Amino acid sequence: MNKRMGIIVSVIFGALLVVGCKPDYPNCKTDEHCHEGEFCVNNLCQQCRNDQDCPVGQECSGGGCRAIPNYCSTSADCAAGQVCRDNSCGPCISNDECGDGQICADGACIAAECQNDSQCPAGLSCVNYKCVVTEEAGPAPAPECTLESVYFEFDSSEVDSAGRAVLDGNFACLQERGGGQITLEGHCDAAGTTEYNMALGERRARMVHKLMKAMGVDGKDMRVVSKGEEESTGGNVAQDRRVDFK
């Protein structure tokens, strides 16, 4: 009887030792030490190990699932005028990215001006969804060229191929105008601190300054200004990440 009791006591004591060795949450040694749906990573309970542990549209950051900035599945998930490209909302590049009856203008999909000649005023024809002067009416005077904004990816001050094409056009426009003073105004979306966005806006403007100077624009004719998130829309974040020419 005593021997049997001794075995029972030993088993109970051993079980208590095992229970007593469980780390205090959120510390862990295995996934079993964490709450349901959590993982033990580097001896700490976390919501995720990697992006695959998170729902669609979220990423694993700092052990937790966070919404991916500007994520989309289709253009319907984006703000009006934007398109979904590689699961990220942003400005359109060509008419092909816009819906039926829409065109891409200044990075936004907008309703076409016309579908056929009957929708244009007398003397104008519908060409590529826009009412233009016909040959019979004679050529219209060429409008003054405009300086376009350069857009950036999230948290970046690098100018991509689309941005460089815009800079080429702006350089040609400045040459056509005969030069003059311009202000390069850097903008950011509302993500991040005010101080960080002011610095990022300046980096973007200075990058454009550097590239325009390399093209031949006198550096003294360009002034760099950062607006940070001061004029952000709060919704159309892709349009907020830009440098304006003024």
C-alpha atoms as a PDB file:
ATOM      1  CA  MET A   1       0.000   0.000   0.000  1.00  0.00           C
ATOM      2  CA  ASN A   2       2.779   2.399   0.925  1.00  0.00           C
ATOM      3  CA  LYS A   3       4.609   1.614  -2.298  1.00  0.00           C
ATOM      4  CA  ARG A   4       1.506   2.353  -4.371  1.00  0.00           C
ATOM      5  CA  MET A   5       0.910   5.615  -2.568  1.00  0.00           C
ATOM      6  CA  GLY A   6       4.526   6.578  -3.174  1.00  0.00           C
ATOM      7  CA  ILE A   7       4.096   6.095  -6.955  1.00  0.00           C
ATOM      8  CA  ILE A   8       0.925   8.225  -6.982  1.00  0.00           C
ATOM      9  CA  VAL A   9       2.641  11.004  -5.036  1.00  0.00           C
ATOM     10  CA  SER A  10       5.584  10.911  -7.434  1.00  0.00           C
ATOM     11  CA  VAL A  11       3.325  11.209 -10.488  1.00  0.00           C
ATOM     12  CA  ILE A  12       1.418  14.130  -8.980  1.00  0.00           C
ATOM     13  CA  PHE A  13       4.643  15.849  -7.977  1.00  0.00           C
ATOM     14  CA  GLY A  14       6.070  15.399 -11.479  1.00  0.00           C
ATOM     15  CA  ALA A  15       2.918  16.856 -13.049  1.00  0.00           C
ATOM     16  CA  LEU A  16       3.138  19.852 -10.772  1.00  0.00           C
ATOM     17  CA  LEU A  17       6.732  20.388 -11.808  1.00  0.00           C
ATOM     18  CA  VAL A  18       5.745  20.344 -15.504  1.00  0.00           C
ATOM     19  CA  VAL A  19       2.941  22.822 -14.903  1.00  0.00           C
ATOM     20  CA  GLY A  20       5.199  25.004 -12.818  1.00  0.00           C
ATOM     21  CA  CYS A  21       7.749  25.204 -15.677  1.00  0.00           C
ATOM     22  CA  LYS A  22       5.297  26.886 -18.099  1.00  0.00           C
ATOM     23  CA  PRO A  23       6.607  30.415 -18.894  1.00  0.00           C
ATOM     24  CA  ASP A  24       4.557  33.445 -17.899  1.00  0.00           C
ATOM     25  CA  TYR A  25       2.522  34.774 -20.862  1.00  0.00           C
ATOM     26  CA  PRO A  26       3.492  36.316 -23.259  1.00  0.00           C
ATOM     27  CA  ASN A  27       6.776  34.444 -22.773  1.00  0.00           C
ATOM     28  CA  CYS A  28       6.768  30.991 -24.348  1.00  0.00           C
ATOM     29  CA  LYS A  29       8.795  28.009 -25.431  1.00  0.00           C
ATOM     30  CA  THR A  30       6.291  26.468 -27.869  1.00  0.00           C
ATOM     31  CA  ASP A  31       3.063  27.527 -29.605  1.00  0.00           C
ATOM     32  CA  GLU A  32       1.121  25.632 -26.923  1.00  0.00           C
ATOM     33  CA  HIS A  33       2.149  28.232 -24.364  1.00  0.00           C
ATOM     34  CA  CYS A  34       0.367  30.967 -26.374  1.00  0.00           C
ATOM     35  CA  HIS A  35      -3.288  31.834 -26.810  1.00  0.00           C
ATOM     36  CA  GLU A  36      -5.276  30.203 -29.584  1.00  0.00           C
ATOM     37  CA  GLY A  37      -4.241  31.585 -32.990  1.00  0.00           C
ATOM     38  CA  GLU A  38      -0.884  32.889 -31.716  1.00  0.00           C
ATOM     39  CA  PHE A  39       2.638  31.692 -32.417  1.00  0.00           C
ATOM     40  CA  CYS A  40       5.771  31.383 -30.286  1.00  0.00           C
ATOM     41  CA  VAL A  41       8.498  33.412 -32.018  1.00  0.00           C
ATOM     42  CA  ASN A  42      11.830  33.961 -30.274  1.00  0.00           C
ATOM     43  CA  ASN A  43      10.241  32.862 -26.983  1.00  0.00           C
ATOM     44  CA  LEU A  44       7.468  35.457 -27.250  1.00  0.00           C
ATOM     45  CA  CYS A  45       3.806  34.935 -28.192  1.00  0.00           C
ATOM     46  CA  GLN A  46       2.912  36.861 -31.356  1.00  0.00           C
ATOM     47  CA  GLN A  47      -0.060  37.209 -33.664  1.00  0.00           C
ATOM     48  CA  CYS A  48       1.954  36.140 -36.704  1.00  0.00           C
ATOM     49  CA  ARG A  49       5.282  34.740 -37.877  1.00  0.00           C
ATOM     50  CA  ASN A  50       5.109  36.126 -41.431  1.00  0.00           C
ATOM     51  CA  ASP A  51       2.671  37.663 -43.925  1.00  0.00           C
ATOM     52  CA  GLN A  52       1.121  34.235 -44.659  1.00  0.00           C
ATOM     53  CA  ASP A  53      -0.333  34.165 -41.127  1.00  0.00           C
ATOM     54  CA  CYS A  54      -2.319  37.369 -41.776  1.00  0.00           C
ATOM     55  CA  PRO A  55      -5.585  37.933 -43.679  1.00  0.00           C
ATOM     56  CA  VAL A  56      -5.572  39.232 -47.244  1.00  0.00           C
ATOM     57  CA  GLY A  57      -4.703  42.928 -47.290  1.00  0.00           C
ATOM     58  CA  GLN A  58      -2.600  42.724 -44.139  1.00  0.00           C
ATOM     59  CA  GLU A  59       1.092  42.116 -43.456  1.00  0.00           C
ATOM     60  CA  CYS A  60       3.026  40.832 -40.453  1.00  0.00           C
ATOM     61  CA  SER A  61       4.807  43.746 -38.811  1.00  0.00           C
ATOM     62  CA  GLY A  62       6.341  43.671 -35.332  1.00  0.00           C
ATOM     63  CA  GLY A  63       4.634  40.362 -34.580  1.00  0.00           C
ATOM     64  CA  GLY A  64       1.150  41.702 -35.393  1.00  0.00           C
ATOM     65  CA  CYS A  65      -1.042  41.805 -38.504  1.00  0.00           C
ATOM     66  CA  ARG A  66      -1.309  45.366 -39.839  1.00  0.00           C
ATOM     67  CA  ALA A  67      -3.275  46.733 -42.792  1.00  0.00           C
ATOM     68  CA  ILE A  68      -1.092  47.155 -45.890  1.00  0.00           C
ATOM     69  CA  PRO A  69      -1.137  50.876 -46.796  1.00  0.00           C
ATOM     70  CA  ASN A  70      -3.119  51.582 -49.959  1.00  0.00           C
ATOM     71  CA  TYR A  71      -3.904  47.851 -50.531  1.00  0.00           C
ATOM     72  CA  CYS A  72      -6.505  46.884 -53.124  1.00  0.00           C
ATOM     73  CA  SER A  73      -7.842  43.852 -54.969  1.00  0.00           C
ATOM     74  CA  THR A  74      -9.590  45.761 -57.749  1.00  0.00           C
ATOM     75  CA  SER A  75      -9.899  49.403 -58.780  1.00  0.00           C
ATOM     76  CA  ALA A  76     -13.282  49.431 -57.015  1.00  0.00           C
ATOM     77  CA  ASP A  77     -11.330  49.398 -53.719  1.00  0.00           C
ATOM     78  CA  CYS A  78      -9.543  52.645 -54.633  1.00  0.00           C
ATOM     79  CA  ALA A  79     -10.534  56.278 -54.386  1.00  0.00           C
ATOM     80  CA  ALA A  80     -12.361  57.819 -57.331  1.00  0.00           C
ATOM     81  CA  GLY A  81     -10.056  58.199 -60.331  1.00  0.00           C
ATOM     82  CA  GLN A  82      -7.407  55.776 -59.050  1.00  0.00           C
ATOM     83  CA  VAL A  83      -6.606  52.321 -60.383  1.00  0.00           C
ATOM     84  CA  CYS A  84      -5.458  49.136 -58.658  1.00  0.00           C
ATOM     85  CA  ARG A  85      -2.033  48.043 -59.903  1.00  0.00           C
ATOM     86  CA  ASP A  86      -0.069  45.219 -58.231  1.00  0.00           C
ATOM     87  CA  ASN A  87      -2.491  45.345 -55.246  1.00  0.00           C
ATOM     88  CA  SER A  88      -1.794  49.044 -54.653  1.00  0.00           C
ATOM     89  CA  CYS A  89      -4.049  52.030 -55.435  1.00  0.00           C
ATOM     90  CA  GLY A  90      -2.416  54.774 -57.448  1.00  0.00           C
ATOM     91  CA  PRO A  91      -2.753  57.176 -60.374  1.00  0.00           C
ATOM     92  CA  CYS A  92      -3.462  55.810 -63.830  1.00  0.00           C
ATOM     93  CA  ILE A  93      -0.785  55.802 -66.517  1.00  0.00           C
ATOM     94  CA  SER A  94      -2.798  55.086 -69.670  1.00  0.00           C
ATOM     95  CA  ASN A  95      -6.407  55.015 -70.894  1.00  0.00           C
ATOM     96  CA  ASP A  96      -6.273  51.203 -70.940  1.00  0.00           C
ATOM     97  CA  GLU A  97      -6.309  51.176 -67.130  1.00  0.00           C
ATOM     98  CA  CYS A  98      -9.574  53.124 -66.944  1.00  0.00           C
ATOM     99  CA  GLY A  99     -13.122  51.860 -67.400  1.00  0.00           C
ATOM    100  CA  ASP A 100     -15.275  52.128 -70.513  1.00  0.00           C
ATOM    101  CA  GLY A 101     -15.905  55.702 -71.540  1.00  0.00           C
ATOM    102  CA  GLN A 102     -13.095  57.023 -69.328  1.00  0.00           C
ATOM    103  CA  ILE A 103      -9.678  58.466 -70.079  1.00  0.00           C
ATOM    104  CA  CYS A 104      -6.540  58.925 -67.998  1.00  0.00           C
ATOM    105  CA  ALA A 105      -5.901  62.633 -67.381  1.00  0.00           C
ATOM    106  CA  ASP A 106      -3.296  63.951 -64.927  1.00  0.00           C
ATOM    107  CA  GLY A 107      -3.090  60.544 -63.242  1.00  0.00           C
ATOM    108  CA  ALA A 108      -6.858  60.174 -62.707  1.00  0.00           C
ATOM    109  CA  CYS A 109      -9.516  58.247 -64.637  1.00  0.00           C
ATOM    110  CA  ILE A 110     -12.250  60.687 -65.639  1.00  0.00           C
ATOM    111  CA  ALA A 111     -15.348  60.523 -67.826  1.00  0.00           C
ATOM    112  CA  ALA A 112     -14.626  60.929 -71.517  1.00  0.00           C
ATOM    113  CA  GLU A 113     -15.456  64.327 -73.012  1.00  0.00           C
ATOM    114  CA  CYS A 114     -17.239  62.692 -75.921  1.00  0.00           C
ATOM    115  CA  GLN A 115     -18.094  59.359 -77.537  1.00  0.00           C
ATOM    116  CA  ASN A 116     -18.765  60.618 -81.082  1.00  0.00           C
ATOM    117  CA  ASP A 117     -18.654  63.826 -83.166  1.00  0.00           C
ATOM    118  CA  SER A 118     -22.303  64.667 -82.432  1.00  0.00           C
ATOM    119  CA  GLN A 119     -21.408  65.306 -78.789  1.00  0.00           C
ATOM    120  CA  CYS A 120     -18.879  68.019 -79.715  1.00  0.00           C
ATOM    121  CA  PRO A 121     -19.535  71.687 -80.555  1.00  0.00           C
ATOM    122  CA  ALA A 122     -19.692  72.718 -84.199  1.00  0.00           C
ATOM    123  CA  GLY A 123     -16.305  72.606 -85.891  1.00  0.00           C
ATOM    124  CA  LEU A 124     -14.894  70.042 -83.443  1.00  0.00           C
ATOM    125  CA  SER A 125     -14.490  66.284 -83.808  1.00  0.00           C
ATOM    126  CA  CYS A 126     -14.321  63.534 -81.182  1.00  0.00           C
ATOM    127  CA  VAL A 127     -10.828  62.036 -81.224  1.00  0.00           C
ATOM    128  CA  ASN A 128      -9.688  59.739 -78.406  1.00  0.00           C
ATOM    129  CA  TYR A 129     -12.695  60.798 -76.314  1.00  0.00           C
ATOM    130  CA  LYS A 130     -11.818  64.503 -76.608  1.00  0.00           C
ATOM    131  CA  CYS A 131     -13.340  67.256 -78.745  1.00  0.00           C
ATOM    132  CA  VAL A 132     -10.594  68.628 -80.969  1.00  0.00           C
ATOM    133  CA  VAL A 133     -10.405  71.189 -83.766  1.00  0.00           C
ATOM    134  CA  THR A 134     -11.084  69.751 -87.213  1.00  0.00           C
ATOM    135  CA  GLU A 135      -8.946  70.576 -90.239  1.00  0.00           C
ATOM    136  CA  GLU A 136     -11.789  72.608 -91.748  1.00  0.00           C
ATOM    137  CA  ALA A 137     -11.854  74.898 -88.726  1.00  0.00           C
ATOM    138  CA  GLY A 138      -8.114  75.474 -88.964  1.00  0.00           C
ATOM    139  CA  PRO A 139      -5.511  74.781 -86.315  1.00  0.00           C
ATOM    140  CA  ALA A 140      -6.062  76.263 -82.882  1.00  0.00           C
ATOM    141  CA  PRO A 141      -3.222  78.223 -81.310  1.00  0.00           C
ATOM    142  CA  ALA A 142      -0.963  75.965 -79.291  1.00  0.00           C
ATOM    143  CA  PRO A 143      -1.697  76.311 -75.557  1.00  0.00           C
ATOM    144  CA  GLU A 144       1.128  77.169 -73.218  1.00  0.00           C
ATOM    145  CA  CYS A 145       2.795  74.025 -71.958  1.00  0.00           C
ATOM    146  CA  THR A 146       2.169  72.983 -68.359  1.00  0.00           C
ATOM    147  CA  LEU A 147       4.528  71.635 -65.715  1.00  0.00           C
ATOM    148  CA  GLU A 148       3.276  68.317 -64.372  1.00  0.00           C
ATOM    149  CA  SER A 149       3.683  66.886 -60.869  1.00  0.00           C
ATOM    150  CA  VAL A 150       6.002  63.931 -60.206  1.00  0.00           C
ATOM    151  CA  TYR A 151       4.539  61.091 -58.118  1.00  0.00           C
ATOM    152  CA  PHE A 152       6.368  58.754 -55.709  1.00  0.00           C
ATOM    153  CA  GLU A 153       5.850  55.328 -54.171  1.00  0.00           C
ATOM    154  CA  PHE A 154       5.043  54.951 -50.468  1.00  0.00           C
ATOM    155  CA  ASP A 155       7.858  56.185 -48.182  1.00  0.00           C
ATOM    156  CA  SER A 156      10.189  56.750 -51.166  1.00  0.00           C
ATOM    157  CA  SER A 157      12.069  59.698 -52.650  1.00  0.00           C
ATOM    158  CA  GLU A 158      13.255  57.781 -55.734  1.00  0.00           C
ATOM    159  CA  VAL A 159      11.926  58.870 -59.142  1.00  0.00           C
ATOM    160  CA  ASP A 160      10.754  55.886 -61.224  1.00  0.00           C
ATOM    161  CA  SER A 161      10.607  55.621 -65.033  1.00  0.00           C
ATOM    162  CA  ALA A 162       7.167  57.263 -65.199  1.00  0.00           C
ATOM    163  CA  GLY A 163       8.435  60.150 -63.083  1.00  0.00           C
ATOM    164  CA  ARG A 164      11.517  60.597 -65.260  1.00  0.00           C
ATOM    165  CA  ALA A 165       9.263  60.846 -68.321  1.00  0.00           C
ATOM    166  CA  VAL A 166       7.383  63.654 -66.543  1.00  0.00           C
ATOM    167  CA  LEU A 167      10.682  65.408 -65.769  1.00  0.00           C
ATOM    168  CA  ASP A 168      11.680  65.161 -69.439  1.00  0.00           C
ATOM    169  CA  GLY A 169       8.402  66.834 -70.408  1.00  0.00           C
ATOM    170  CA  ASN A 170       8.825  69.528 -67.756  1.00  0.00           C
ATOM    171  CA  PHE A 171      12.363  70.252 -68.946  1.00  0.00           C
ATOM    172  CA  ALA A 172      11.099  70.649 -72.523  1.00  0.00           C
ATOM    173  CA  CYS A 173       8.333  72.948 -71.248  1.00  0.00           C
ATOM    174  CA  LEU A 174      10.827  75.124 -69.356  1.00  0.00           C
ATOM    175  CA  GLN A 175      12.945  75.371 -72.500  1.00  0.00           C
ATOM    176  CA  GLU A 176       9.849  76.380 -74.463  1.00  0.00           C
ATOM    177  CA  ARG A 177       9.009  79.043 -71.877  1.00  0.00           C
ATOM    178  CA  GLY A 178      12.547  80.325 -71.919  1.00  0.00           C
ATOM    179  CA  GLY A 179      13.365  79.336 -68.345  1.00  0.00           C
ATOM    180  CA  GLY A 180      12.400  81.320 -65.276  1.00  0.00           C
ATOM    181  CA  GLN A 181      12.128  80.753 -61.533  1.00  0.00           C
ATOM    182  CA  ILE A 182      10.271  77.649 -60.318  1.00  0.00           C
ATOM    183  CA  THR A 183       9.499  76.188 -56.900  1.00  0.00           C
ATOM    184  CA  LEU A 184       9.772  72.438 -56.283  1.00  0.00           C
ATOM    185  CA  GLU A 185       7.173  71.692 -53.620  1.00  0.00           C
ATOM    186  CA  GLY A 186       7.465  68.291 -51.876  1.00  0.00           C
ATOM    187  CA  HIS A 187       4.305  66.641 -50.490  1.00  0.00           C
ATOM    188  CA  CYS A 188       3.529  63.473 -48.455  1.00  0.00           C
ATOM    189  CA  ASP A 189       0.504  61.484 -47.351  1.00  0.00           C
ATOM    190  CA  ALA A 190      -0.567  61.567 -43.710  1.00  0.00           C
ATOM    191  CA  ALA A 191       1.231  58.361 -42.686  1.00  0.00           C
ATOM    192  CA  GLY A 192       4.108  58.946 -40.234  1.00  0.00           C
ATOM    193  CA  THR A 193       4.943  61.836 -37.936  1.00  0.00           C
ATOM    194  CA  THR A 194       4.807  65.485 -38.976  1.00  0.00           C
ATOM    195  CA  GLU A 195       8.588  65.800 -38.611  1.00  0.00           C
ATOM    196  CA  TYR A 196       9.245  62.701 -40.704  1.00  0.00           C
ATOM    197  CA  ASN A 197       6.912  63.851 -43.473  1.00  0.00           C
ATOM    198  CA  MET A 198       8.511  67.295 -43.607  1.00  0.00           C
ATOM    199  CA  ALA A 199      11.903  65.621 -44.091  1.00  0.00           C
ATOM    200  CA  LEU A 200      10.514  63.178 -46.687  1.00  0.00           C
ATOM    201  CA  GLY A 201       8.871  66.012 -48.631  1.00  0.00           C
ATOM    202  CA  GLU A 202      12.199  67.845 -48.732  1.00  0.00           C
ATOM    203  CA  ARG A 203      14.060  64.701 -49.889  1.00  0.00           C
ATOM    204  CA  ARG A 204      11.580  64.294 -52.724  1.00  0.00           C
ATOM    205  CA  ALA A 205      11.913  67.922 -53.795  1.00  0.00           C
ATOM    206  CA  ARG A 206      15.714  67.787 -53.591  1.00  0.00           C
ATOM    207  CA  MET A 207      15.782  64.602 -55.693  1.00  0.00           C
ATOM    208  CA  VAL A 208      13.777  66.389 -58.418  1.00  0.00           C
ATOM    209  CA  HIS A 209      16.097  69.396 -58.077  1.00  0.00           C
ATOM    210  CA  LYS A 210      19.110  67.134 -58.579  1.00  0.00           C
ATOM    211  CA  LEU A 211      17.665  65.455 -61.696  1.00  0.00           C
ATOM    212  CA  MET A 212      16.480  68.712 -63.290  1.00  0.00           C
ATOM    213  CA  LYS A 213      19.876  70.271 -62.656  1.00  0.00           C
ATOM    214  CA  ALA A 214      21.526  67.283 -64.351  1.00  0.00           C
ATOM    215  CA  MET A 215      19.307  67.959 -67.396  1.00  0.00           C
ATOM    216  CA  GLY A 216      20.603  71.517 -67.631  1.00  0.00           C
ATOM    217  CA  VAL A 217      18.274  73.668 -65.495  1.00  0.00           C
ATOM    218  CA  ASP A 218      20.222  76.267 -63.508  1.00  0.00           C
ATOM    219  CA  GLY A 219      20.087  75.260 -59.843  1.00  0.00           C
ATOM    220  CA  LYS A 220      19.662  78.914 -58.870  1.00  0.00           C
ATOM    221  CA  ASP A 221      16.360  78.988 -60.774  1.00  0.00           C
ATOM    222  CA  MET A 222      14.880  76.223 -58.592  1.00  0.00           C
ATOM    223  CA  ARG A 223      13.702  76.678 -55.012  1.00  0.00           C
ATOM    224  CA  VAL A 224      13.075  73.613 -52.784  1.00  0.00           C
ATOM    225  CA  VAL A 225      10.119  73.678 -50.365  1.00  0.00           C
ATOM    226  CA  SER A 226       8.585  70.894 -48.251  1.00  0.00           C
ATOM    227  CA  LYS A 227       4.888  70.920 -47.355  1.00  0.00           C
ATOM    228  CA  GLY A 228       5.060  67.513 -45.657  1.00  0.00           C
ATOM    229  CA  GLU A 229       1.529  66.276 -44.960  1.00  0.00           C
ATOM    230  CA  GLU A 230       0.150  69.838 -44.655  1.00  0.00           C
ATOM    231  CA  GLU A 231      -1.946  69.617 -47.841  1.00  0.00           C
ATOM    232  CA  SER A 232      -2.671  65.873 -47.845  1.00  0.00           C
ATOM    233  CA  THR A 233      -6.169  64.811 -48.902  1.00  0.00           C
ATOM    234  CA  GLY A 234      -6.394  62.105 -46.252  1.00  0.00           C
ATOM    235  CA  GLY A 235      -7.915  59.732 -48.794  1.00  0.00           C
ATOM    236  CA  ASN A 236      -6.194  59.950 -52.172  1.00  0.00           C
ATOM    237  CA  VAL A 237      -2.779  59.081 -50.728  1.00  0.00           C
ATOM    238  CA  ALA A 238      -1.178  58.276 -54.090  1.00  0.00           C
ATOM    239  CA  GLN A 239      -1.920  61.829 -55.247  1.00  0.00           C
ATOM    240  CA  ASP A 240      -0.459  63.185 -51.996  1.00  0.00           C
ATOM    241  CA  ARG A 241       2.990  61.636 -52.604  1.00  0.00           C
ATOM    242  CA  ARG A 242       4.324  64.140 -55.147  1.00  0.00           C
ATOM    243  CA  VAL A 243       6.488  67.117 -56.047  1.00  0.00           C
ATOM    244  CA  ASP A 244       4.676  70.065 -57.665  1.00  0.00           C
ATOM    245  CA  PHE A 245       6.294  72.523 -60.059  1.00  0.00           C
ATOM    246  CA  LYS A 246       5.156  76.077 -59.307  1.00  0.00           C
END
